Amino acid sequence: MSAKVTPQGEAAKHGPIDKSAEVRVYLIIFGCLAALTLLTVGVAYMNLPHGAGVVIALIIAAVKVFLIASFFMHLRGEGRLINIGVAVCLGLVMVLLVFVLPDIGVHPLEDAARKAMREIEAHGELHYPPSPEGAAAPAEH
């Protein structure tokens, strides 16, 4: 006959659980995630080249994914096989990102818009360069 395992027997077998330490860890991770989110927003408002902004945002996002997977999904305490599977998936995602990064370059319209915004910030108004066809600049409103 097998012995019936009771919830009290499981608790006695594993020892007492310190809930306040768990809550403290979750609150610290939550604070880190909030700070990283604010950092992402701050990077978006900086006048960085487009590619550099995207790379920095991806690095911040990778750190956030690591924190979420490690602490909230409890992957820190999982077995080796699961962690190897996660590592393989992340490696494949990195390979896909490397293939996509050359397409993240600055496009002509985005570059023109950035230059116009910098000129407005510096001079308070936008000066249109002469167009190659000799067309007049658009009328200001």
C-alpha atoms as a PDB file:
ATOM      1  CA  MET A   1       0.000   0.000   0.000  1.00  0.00           C
ATOM      2  CA  SER A   2       1.326   3.463  -0.864  1.00  0.00           C
ATOM      3  CA  ALA A   3       1.346   6.270   1.632  1.00  0.00           C
ATOM      4  CA  LYS A   4      -0.947   9.183   0.933  1.00  0.00           C
ATOM      5  CA  VAL A   5       0.880  12.503   0.671  1.00  0.00           C
ATOM      6  CA  THR A   6      -0.892  15.357   2.415  1.00  0.00           C
ATOM      7  CA  PRO A   7      -0.289  19.052   1.807  1.00  0.00           C
ATOM      8  CA  GLN A   8       1.162  19.307   5.320  1.00  0.00           C
ATOM      9  CA  GLY A   9       3.553  16.481   4.499  1.00  0.00           C
ATOM     10  CA  GLU A  10       4.751  18.332   1.372  1.00  0.00           C
ATOM     11  CA  ALA A  11       5.368  21.513   3.354  1.00  0.00           C
ATOM     12  CA  ALA A  12       7.284  19.605   5.993  1.00  0.00           C
ATOM     13  CA  LYS A  13       9.284  17.832   3.320  1.00  0.00           C
ATOM     14  CA  HIS A  14      10.410  21.046   1.578  1.00  0.00           C
ATOM     15  CA  GLY A  15      10.647  23.311   4.613  1.00  0.00           C
ATOM     16  CA  PRO A  16       8.977  26.640   5.273  1.00  0.00           C
ATOM     17  CA  ILE A  17       8.570  29.116   2.456  1.00  0.00           C
ATOM     18  CA  ASP A  18       9.542  32.743   3.039  1.00  0.00           C
ATOM     19  CA  LYS A  19       6.808  34.604   1.142  1.00  0.00           C
ATOM     20  CA  SER A  20       8.164  38.038   2.041  1.00  0.00           C
ATOM     21  CA  ALA A  21      11.480  37.255   0.305  1.00  0.00           C
ATOM     22  CA  GLU A  22       9.618  36.129  -2.839  1.00  0.00           C
ATOM     23  CA  VAL A  23       7.472  39.259  -2.863  1.00  0.00           C
ATOM     24  CA  ARG A  24      10.576  41.405  -2.363  1.00  0.00           C
ATOM     25  CA  VAL A  25      12.277  39.757  -5.362  1.00  0.00           C
ATOM     26  CA  TYR A  26       9.183  40.269  -7.532  1.00  0.00           C
ATOM     27  CA  LEU A  27       8.976  43.938  -6.533  1.00  0.00           C
ATOM     28  CA  ILE A  28      12.670  44.459  -7.307  1.00  0.00           C
ATOM     29  CA  ILE A  29      12.248  42.840 -10.736  1.00  0.00           C
ATOM     30  CA  PHE A  30       9.129  44.953 -11.336  1.00  0.00           C
ATOM     31  CA  GLY A  31      11.134  48.089 -10.486  1.00  0.00           C
ATOM     32  CA  CYS A  32      13.915  47.020 -12.866  1.00  0.00           C
ATOM     33  CA  LEU A  33      11.396  46.415 -15.660  1.00  0.00           C
ATOM     34  CA  ALA A  34       9.797  49.824 -15.057  1.00  0.00           C
ATOM     35  CA  ALA A  35      13.224  51.514 -15.116  1.00  0.00           C
ATOM     36  CA  LEU A  36      14.167  49.707 -18.337  1.00  0.00           C
ATOM     37  CA  THR A  37      10.875  50.791 -19.909  1.00  0.00           C
ATOM     38  CA  LEU A  38      11.599  54.414 -18.974  1.00  0.00           C
ATOM     39  CA  LEU A  39      15.107  53.999 -20.387  1.00  0.00           C
ATOM     40  CA  THR A  40      13.620  52.743 -23.667  1.00  0.00           C
ATOM     41  CA  VAL A  41      11.351  55.791 -23.840  1.00  0.00           C
ATOM     42  CA  GLY A  42      14.321  58.059 -23.065  1.00  0.00           C
ATOM     43  CA  VAL A  43      16.370  56.501 -25.860  1.00  0.00           C
ATOM     44  CA  ALA A  44      13.467  57.072 -28.259  1.00  0.00           C
ATOM     45  CA  TYR A  45      13.553  60.819 -27.485  1.00  0.00           C
ATOM     46  CA  MET A  46      17.310  61.093 -28.063  1.00  0.00           C
ATOM     47  CA  ASN A  47      18.417  62.187 -31.514  1.00  0.00           C
ATOM     48  CA  LEU A  48      20.351  59.016 -32.242  1.00  0.00           C
ATOM     49  CA  PRO A  49      20.877  57.575 -35.705  1.00  0.00           C
ATOM     50  CA  HIS A  50      18.014  55.244 -36.533  1.00  0.00           C
ATOM     51  CA  GLY A  51      20.093  52.052 -36.533  1.00  0.00           C
ATOM     52  CA  ALA A  52      21.747  52.863 -33.204  1.00  0.00           C
ATOM     53  CA  GLY A  53      18.383  53.613 -31.587  1.00  0.00           C
ATOM     54  CA  VAL A  54      16.974  50.304 -32.775  1.00  0.00           C
ATOM     55  CA  VAL A  55      20.004  48.349 -31.566  1.00  0.00           C
ATOM     56  CA  ILE A  56      19.881  49.997 -28.120  1.00  0.00           C
ATOM     57  CA  ALA A  57      16.141  49.339 -27.865  1.00  0.00           C
ATOM     58  CA  LEU A  58      16.707  45.678 -28.811  1.00  0.00           C
ATOM     59  CA  ILE A  59      19.395  45.306 -26.146  1.00  0.00           C
ATOM     60  CA  ILE A  60      17.098  46.799 -23.500  1.00  0.00           C
ATOM     61  CA  ALA A  61      14.281  44.509 -24.679  1.00  0.00           C
ATOM     62  CA  ALA A  62      16.588  41.481 -24.436  1.00  0.00           C
ATOM     63  CA  VAL A  63      17.434  42.347 -20.824  1.00  0.00           C
ATOM     64  CA  LYS A  64      13.722  42.693 -20.045  1.00  0.00           C
ATOM     65  CA  VAL A  65      12.984  39.315 -21.660  1.00  0.00           C
ATOM     66  CA  PHE A  66      15.762  37.726 -19.600  1.00  0.00           C
ATOM     67  CA  LEU A  67      14.344  39.151 -16.357  1.00  0.00           C
ATOM     68  CA  ILE A  68      10.800  38.067 -17.168  1.00  0.00           C
ATOM     69  CA  ALA A  69      11.803  34.559 -18.240  1.00  0.00           C
ATOM     70  CA  SER A  70      14.168  34.046 -15.316  1.00  0.00           C
ATOM     71  CA  PHE A  71      12.005  35.309 -12.483  1.00  0.00           C
ATOM     72  CA  PHE A  72       8.340  35.424 -13.517  1.00  0.00           C
ATOM     73  CA  MET A  73       8.453  32.266 -15.643  1.00  0.00           C
ATOM     74  CA  HIS A  74      10.735  30.567 -13.075  1.00  0.00           C
ATOM     75  CA  LEU A  75      13.290  29.366 -15.629  1.00  0.00           C
ATOM     76  CA  ARG A  76      16.109  29.866 -13.109  1.00  0.00           C
ATOM     77  CA  GLY A  77      15.065  26.727 -11.246  1.00  0.00           C
ATOM     78  CA  GLU A  78      14.273  24.554 -14.263  1.00  0.00           C
ATOM     79  CA  GLY A  79      16.278  21.636 -15.506  1.00  0.00           C
ATOM     80  CA  ARG A  80      19.120  21.765 -17.952  1.00  0.00           C
ATOM     81  CA  LEU A  81      17.101  20.495 -20.928  1.00  0.00           C
ATOM     82  CA  ILE A  82      14.561  23.311 -20.742  1.00  0.00           C
ATOM     83  CA  ASN A  83      17.296  25.935 -20.444  1.00  0.00           C
ATOM     84  CA  ILE A  84      19.100  24.448 -23.454  1.00  0.00           C
ATOM     85  CA  GLY A  85      15.842  24.599 -25.438  1.00  0.00           C
ATOM     86  CA  VAL A  86      15.353  28.251 -24.495  1.00  0.00           C
ATOM     87  CA  ALA A  87      18.973  29.035 -25.428  1.00  0.00           C
ATOM     88  CA  VAL A  88      18.540  27.401 -28.857  1.00  0.00           C
ATOM     89  CA  CYS A  89      15.357  29.410 -29.500  1.00  0.00           C
ATOM     90  CA  LEU A  90      17.045  32.653 -28.463  1.00  0.00           C
ATOM     91  CA  GLY A  91      20.017  31.821 -30.694  1.00  0.00           C
ATOM     92  CA  LEU A  92      17.693  31.359 -33.670  1.00  0.00           C
ATOM     93  CA  VAL A  93      15.982  34.672 -32.901  1.00  0.00           C
ATOM     94  CA  MET A  94      19.399  36.360 -32.830  1.00  0.00           C
ATOM     95  CA  VAL A  95      20.242  34.841 -36.223  1.00  0.00           C
ATOM     96  CA  LEU A  96      16.994  36.238 -37.648  1.00  0.00           C
ATOM     97  CA  LEU A  97      17.741  39.671 -36.160  1.00  0.00           C
ATOM     98  CA  VAL A  98      21.206  39.682 -37.706  1.00  0.00           C
ATOM     99  CA  PHE A  99      19.647  39.026 -41.111  1.00  0.00           C
ATOM    100  CA  VAL A 100      17.130  41.865 -40.620  1.00  0.00           C
ATOM    101  CA  LEU A 101      19.511  44.503 -39.210  1.00  0.00           C
ATOM    102  CA  PRO A 102      20.860  45.642 -42.615  1.00  0.00           C
ATOM    103  CA  ASP A 103      17.298  46.619 -43.597  1.00  0.00           C
ATOM    104  CA  ILE A 104      16.945  48.889 -40.567  1.00  0.00           C
ATOM    105  CA  GLY A 105      19.136  51.541 -42.179  1.00  0.00           C
ATOM    106  CA  VAL A 106      17.998  55.104 -42.627  1.00  0.00           C
ATOM    107  CA  HIS A 107      15.569  55.593 -45.481  1.00  0.00           C
ATOM    108  CA  PRO A 108      15.672  58.849 -47.489  1.00  0.00           C
ATOM    109  CA  LEU A 109      12.289  60.126 -46.252  1.00  0.00           C
ATOM    110  CA  GLU A 110      13.162  59.413 -42.622  1.00  0.00           C
ATOM    111  CA  ASP A 111      16.521  61.150 -43.058  1.00  0.00           C
ATOM    112  CA  ALA A 112      14.847  64.209 -44.592  1.00  0.00           C
ATOM    113  CA  ALA A 113      12.317  64.367 -41.752  1.00  0.00           C
ATOM    114  CA  ARG A 114      15.077  64.136 -39.134  1.00  0.00           C
ATOM    115  CA  LYS A 115      17.075  66.917 -40.831  1.00  0.00           C
ATOM    116  CA  ALA A 116      13.959  69.102 -40.977  1.00  0.00           C
ATOM    117  CA  MET A 117      13.263  68.548 -37.261  1.00  0.00           C
ATOM    118  CA  ARG A 118      16.864  69.402 -36.354  1.00  0.00           C
ATOM    119  CA  GLU A 119      16.651  72.607 -38.400  1.00  0.00           C
ATOM    120  CA  ILE A 120      13.370  73.592 -36.746  1.00  0.00           C
ATOM    121  CA  GLU A 121      14.865  72.941 -33.310  1.00  0.00           C
ATOM    122  CA  ALA A 122      18.033  74.911 -34.137  1.00  0.00           C
ATOM    123  CA  HIS A 123      16.553  77.889 -35.993  1.00  0.00           C
ATOM    124  CA  GLY A 124      12.879  77.879 -35.112  1.00  0.00           C
ATOM    125  CA  GLU A 125      11.892  77.615 -38.764  1.00  0.00           C
ATOM    126  CA  LEU A 126      12.414  75.383 -41.736  1.00  0.00           C
ATOM    127  CA  HIS A 127      14.494  76.560 -44.693  1.00  0.00           C
ATOM    128  CA  TYR A 128      13.777  74.613 -47.851  1.00  0.00           C
ATOM    129  CA  PRO A 129      16.807  73.828 -49.968  1.00  0.00           C
ATOM    130  CA  PRO A 130      16.486  74.597 -53.659  1.00  0.00           C
ATOM    131  CA  SER A 131      14.999  71.633 -55.445  1.00  0.00           C
ATOM    132  CA  PRO A 132      16.931  70.044 -58.305  1.00  0.00           C
ATOM    133  CA  GLU A 133      14.121  70.792 -60.774  1.00  0.00           C
ATOM    134  CA  GLY A 134      14.039  74.484 -59.861  1.00  0.00           C
ATOM    135  CA  ALA A 135      10.557  74.246 -58.373  1.00  0.00           C
ATOM    136  CA  ALA A 136       9.590  76.780 -55.746  1.00  0.00           C
ATOM    137  CA  ALA A 137       9.510  75.849 -52.085  1.00  0.00           C
ATOM    138  CA  PRO A 138       6.072  75.041 -50.636  1.00  0.00           C
ATOM    139  CA  ALA A 139       4.137  78.027 -49.350  1.00  0.00           C
ATOM    140  CA  GLU A 140       4.185  78.526 -45.581  1.00  0.00           C
ATOM    141  CA  HIS A 141       0.880  78.734 -43.755  1.00  0.00           C
END
